[in-house]
Amino acid sequence: AAPTAAAAPSAAPATPGESAHVDVVELKLSETIQDRNPVNPGASFTTGAKVFSWVKLNVKEPETQIKMRWLLGDTAVYTSDPVTVKQSPGYRTWLFKTVDQAGAWKVEVLDADEKTVAAESFTVQ
């Protein structure tokens, strides 16, 4: 996937917070998804790995959208297109990115208002 344009003007890292649209029940990272669940979730991956960001949501509205933003250090390198999620106390979805650079990474889950509602850090070696 192609990197997005410049990161948001605010360079300060986002702090996960409350959302009127969704609550993040779980956020896990893994190299494999099986039966809609992450296999051997972890926080360290090798360069070139396909890393899945798996999220379990409590969706509070009949339908809303989330995005996932991938950061290397404090720089956003990719933001997904919006993913439609439907009302459920345990809605699961996942996206992946091939991580091609070593360093400190983070995945953020954004609600329909582009607010960070969860984040998970990981390293790529």
C-alpha atoms as a PDB file:
ATOM      1  CA  ALA A   1       0.000   0.000   0.000  1.00  0.00           C
ATOM      2  CA  ALA A   2       1.191   3.464  -0.794  1.00  0.00           C
ATOM      3  CA  PRO A   3       2.085   5.838   2.031  1.00  0.00           C
ATOM      4  CA  THR A   4      -0.337   8.650   2.714  1.00  0.00           C
ATOM      5  CA  ALA A   5       0.461  12.322   2.400  1.00  0.00           C
ATOM      6  CA  ALA A   6       1.985  14.301   5.256  1.00  0.00           C
ATOM      7  CA  ALA A   7       0.956  13.464   8.794  1.00  0.00           C
ATOM      8  CA  ALA A   8      -1.526  15.629  10.652  1.00  0.00           C
ATOM      9  CA  PRO A   9      -0.137  19.021  11.672  1.00  0.00           C
ATOM     10  CA  SER A  10      -0.054  18.020  15.342  1.00  0.00           C
ATOM     11  CA  ALA A  11       3.200  16.112  15.865  1.00  0.00           C
ATOM     12  CA  ALA A  12       2.260  15.102  19.414  1.00  0.00           C
ATOM     13  CA  PRO A  13       1.418  11.404  19.744  1.00  0.00           C
ATOM     14  CA  ALA A  14      -2.275  10.741  20.124  1.00  0.00           C
ATOM     15  CA  THR A  15      -3.577   9.373  23.411  1.00  0.00           C
ATOM     16  CA  PRO A  16      -6.378   6.819  23.060  1.00  0.00           C
ATOM     17  CA  GLY A  17      -9.709   8.076  24.338  1.00  0.00           C
ATOM     18  CA  GLU A  18     -13.441   7.621  24.510  1.00  0.00           C
ATOM     19  CA  SER A  19     -15.581   7.463  21.388  1.00  0.00           C
ATOM     20  CA  ALA A  20     -19.285   8.018  20.911  1.00  0.00           C
ATOM     21  CA  HIS A  21     -19.172   5.437  18.091  1.00  0.00           C
ATOM     22  CA  VAL A  22     -17.085   2.442  19.232  1.00  0.00           C
ATOM     23  CA  ASP A  23     -15.242   0.986  22.203  1.00  0.00           C
ATOM     24  CA  VAL A  24     -12.161  -1.115  21.517  1.00  0.00           C
ATOM     25  CA  VAL A  25     -12.482  -4.341  23.516  1.00  0.00           C
ATOM     26  CA  GLU A  26      -9.186  -5.851  22.274  1.00  0.00           C
ATOM     27  CA  LEU A  27      -6.418  -4.843  19.881  1.00  0.00           C
ATOM     28  CA  LYS A  28      -3.801  -7.464  18.960  1.00  0.00           C
ATOM     29  CA  LEU A  29      -1.022  -7.819  16.404  1.00  0.00           C
ATOM     30  CA  SER A  30      -0.014 -11.065  14.710  1.00  0.00           C
ATOM     31  CA  GLU A  31       1.346 -12.488  11.464  1.00  0.00           C
ATOM     32  CA  THR A  32      -1.641 -14.820  10.985  1.00  0.00           C
ATOM     33  CA  ILE A  33      -5.425 -14.695  11.395  1.00  0.00           C
ATOM     34  CA  GLN A  34      -7.266 -18.011  11.699  1.00  0.00           C
ATOM     35  CA  ASP A  35     -10.999 -18.473  12.348  1.00  0.00           C
ATOM     36  CA  ARG A  36     -11.332 -14.676  12.743  1.00  0.00           C
ATOM     37  CA  ASN A  37      -8.784 -14.560  15.563  1.00  0.00           C
ATOM     38  CA  PRO A  38      -5.087 -13.635  15.761  1.00  0.00           C
ATOM     39  CA  VAL A  39      -2.638 -16.544  16.019  1.00  0.00           C
ATOM     40  CA  ASN A  40       0.280 -16.084  18.459  1.00  0.00           C
ATOM     41  CA  PRO A  41      -0.164 -12.318  18.980  1.00  0.00           C
ATOM     42  CA  GLY A  42       3.056 -10.461  19.640  1.00  0.00           C
ATOM     43  CA  ALA A  43       4.864  -7.150  19.759  1.00  0.00           C
ATOM     44  CA  SER A  44       8.023  -7.953  17.760  1.00  0.00           C
ATOM     45  CA  PHE A  45       8.212  -8.771  14.059  1.00  0.00           C
ATOM     46  CA  THR A  46      10.890  -9.084  11.381  1.00  0.00           C
ATOM     47  CA  THR A  47      11.397  -6.691   8.470  1.00  0.00           C
ATOM     48  CA  GLY A  48       9.234  -7.774   5.548  1.00  0.00           C
ATOM     49  CA  ALA A  49       6.624  -9.460   7.753  1.00  0.00           C
ATOM     50  CA  LYS A  50       2.923  -9.074   7.052  1.00  0.00           C
ATOM     51  CA  VAL A  51       1.536  -7.734  10.360  1.00  0.00           C
ATOM     52  CA  PHE A  52      -2.189  -8.000  10.995  1.00  0.00           C
ATOM     53  CA  SER A  53      -3.870  -5.478  13.267  1.00  0.00           C
ATOM     54  CA  TRP A  54      -6.880  -7.334  14.702  1.00  0.00           C
ATOM     55  CA  VAL A  55      -9.507  -5.453  16.670  1.00  0.00           C
ATOM     56  CA  LYS A  56     -12.592  -6.507  18.614  1.00  0.00           C
ATOM     57  CA  LEU A  57     -15.098  -3.669  18.949  1.00  0.00           C
ATOM     58  CA  ASN A  58     -18.240  -2.776  20.848  1.00  0.00           C
ATOM     59  CA  VAL A  59     -20.022  -0.863  18.074  1.00  0.00           C
ATOM     60  CA  LYS A  60     -22.567   1.510  19.646  1.00  0.00           C
ATOM     61  CA  GLU A  61     -24.404   2.592  16.474  1.00  0.00           C
ATOM     62  CA  PRO A  62     -26.258   0.618  13.784  1.00  0.00           C
ATOM     63  CA  GLU A  63     -23.308   1.306  11.479  1.00  0.00           C
ATOM     64  CA  THR A  64     -20.137   3.400  11.663  1.00  0.00           C
ATOM     65  CA  GLN A  65     -16.614   3.408  10.271  1.00  0.00           C
ATOM     66  CA  ILE A  66     -13.109   2.950  11.609  1.00  0.00           C
ATOM     67  CA  LYS A  67      -9.660   3.389  10.103  1.00  0.00           C
ATOM     68  CA  MET A  68      -6.285   2.055  11.144  1.00  0.00           C
ATOM     69  CA  ARG A  69      -3.217   4.280  11.008  1.00  0.00           C
ATOM     70  CA  TRP A  70       0.296   2.782  10.944  1.00  0.00           C
ATOM     71  CA  LEU A  71       3.130   4.903  12.326  1.00  0.00           C
ATOM     72  CA  LEU A  72       6.895   4.440  12.228  1.00  0.00           C
ATOM     73  CA  GLY A  73       8.154   6.505  15.132  1.00  0.00           C
ATOM     74  CA  ASP A  74       5.834   9.525  15.183  1.00  0.00           C
ATOM     75  CA  THR A  75       5.356   9.577  11.405  1.00  0.00           C
ATOM     76  CA  ALA A  76       2.178   8.189   9.857  1.00  0.00           C
ATOM     77  CA  VAL A  77       3.215   5.945   6.950  1.00  0.00           C
ATOM     78  CA  TYR A  78      -0.185   4.512   6.021  1.00  0.00           C
ATOM     79  CA  THR A  79      -3.836   5.115   6.923  1.00  0.00           C
ATOM     80  CA  SER A  80      -6.406   2.594   5.748  1.00  0.00           C
ATOM     81  CA  ASP A  81      -9.534   3.442   3.838  1.00  0.00           C
ATOM     82  CA  PRO A  82     -12.609   3.554   6.102  1.00  0.00           C
ATOM     83  CA  VAL A  83     -13.921   0.135   7.147  1.00  0.00           C
ATOM     84  CA  THR A  84     -17.659  -0.122   7.822  1.00  0.00           C
ATOM     85  CA  VAL A  85     -18.518  -1.888  11.090  1.00  0.00           C
ATOM     86  CA  LYS A  86     -22.002  -2.803  12.307  1.00  0.00           C
ATOM     87  CA  GLN A  87     -23.581  -2.644  15.753  1.00  0.00           C
ATOM     88  CA  SER A  88     -22.389  -5.521  17.926  1.00  0.00           C
ATOM     89  CA  PRO A  89     -20.751  -6.004  21.334  1.00  0.00           C
ATOM     90  CA  GLY A  90     -18.045  -8.165  19.724  1.00  0.00           C
ATOM     91  CA  TYR A  91     -17.481  -7.066  16.114  1.00  0.00           C
ATOM     92  CA  ARG A  92     -14.086  -8.255  14.843  1.00  0.00           C
ATOM     93  CA  THR A  93     -12.150  -6.961  11.882  1.00  0.00           C
ATOM     94  CA  TRP A  94      -8.524  -6.790  10.814  1.00  0.00           C
ATOM     95  CA  LEU A  95      -6.185  -5.157   8.343  1.00  0.00           C
ATOM     96  CA  PHE A  96      -2.564  -5.839   7.529  1.00  0.00           C
ATOM     97  CA  LYS A  97       0.534  -3.982   6.435  1.00  0.00           C
ATOM     98  CA  THR A  98       3.829  -5.392   5.257  1.00  0.00           C
ATOM     99  CA  VAL A  99       6.374  -3.717   7.524  1.00  0.00           C
ATOM    100  CA  ASP A 100       9.411  -2.939   5.402  1.00  0.00           C
ATOM    101  CA  GLN A 101      11.478  -0.863   7.828  1.00  0.00           C
ATOM    102  CA  ALA A 102      13.027  -1.667  11.196  1.00  0.00           C
ATOM    103  CA  GLY A 103      12.103   0.513  14.145  1.00  0.00           C
ATOM    104  CA  ALA A 104       9.412   1.380  16.664  1.00  0.00           C
ATOM    105  CA  TRP A 105       5.970   1.095  15.088  1.00  0.00           C
ATOM    106  CA  LYS A 106       2.445   1.754  16.309  1.00  0.00           C
ATOM    107  CA  VAL A 107      -1.049   1.011  15.016  1.00  0.00           C
ATOM    108  CA  GLU A 108      -3.866   3.362  15.970  1.00  0.00           C
ATOM    109  CA  VAL A 109      -7.586   2.630  15.622  1.00  0.00           C
ATOM    110  CA  LEU A 110      -9.499   5.754  14.562  1.00  0.00           C
ATOM    111  CA  ASP A 111     -13.246   6.227  14.947  1.00  0.00           C
ATOM    112  CA  ALA A 112     -15.572   7.938  12.462  1.00  0.00           C
ATOM    113  CA  ASP A 113     -14.444  11.336  13.811  1.00  0.00           C
ATOM    114  CA  GLU A 114     -10.761  10.396  13.139  1.00  0.00           C
ATOM    115  CA  LYS A 115     -10.203  10.234  16.900  1.00  0.00           C
ATOM    116  CA  THR A 116      -7.674   7.695  18.200  1.00  0.00           C
ATOM    117  CA  VAL A 117      -9.579   5.213  20.366  1.00  0.00           C
ATOM    118  CA  ALA A 118      -6.853   2.556  20.783  1.00  0.00           C
ATOM    119  CA  ALA A 119      -3.190   2.062  19.967  1.00  0.00           C
ATOM    120  CA  GLU A 120      -0.712  -0.818  20.077  1.00  0.00           C
ATOM    121  CA  SER A 121       3.061  -0.447  19.797  1.00  0.00           C
ATOM    122  CA  PHE A 122       5.435  -2.996  18.277  1.00  0.00           C
ATOM    123  CA  THR A 123       8.990  -3.282  17.057  1.00  0.00           C
ATOM    124  CA  VAL A 124      10.334  -4.429  13.704  1.00  0.00           C
ATOM    125  CA  GLN A 125      13.863  -5.847  13.573  1.00  0.00           C
END
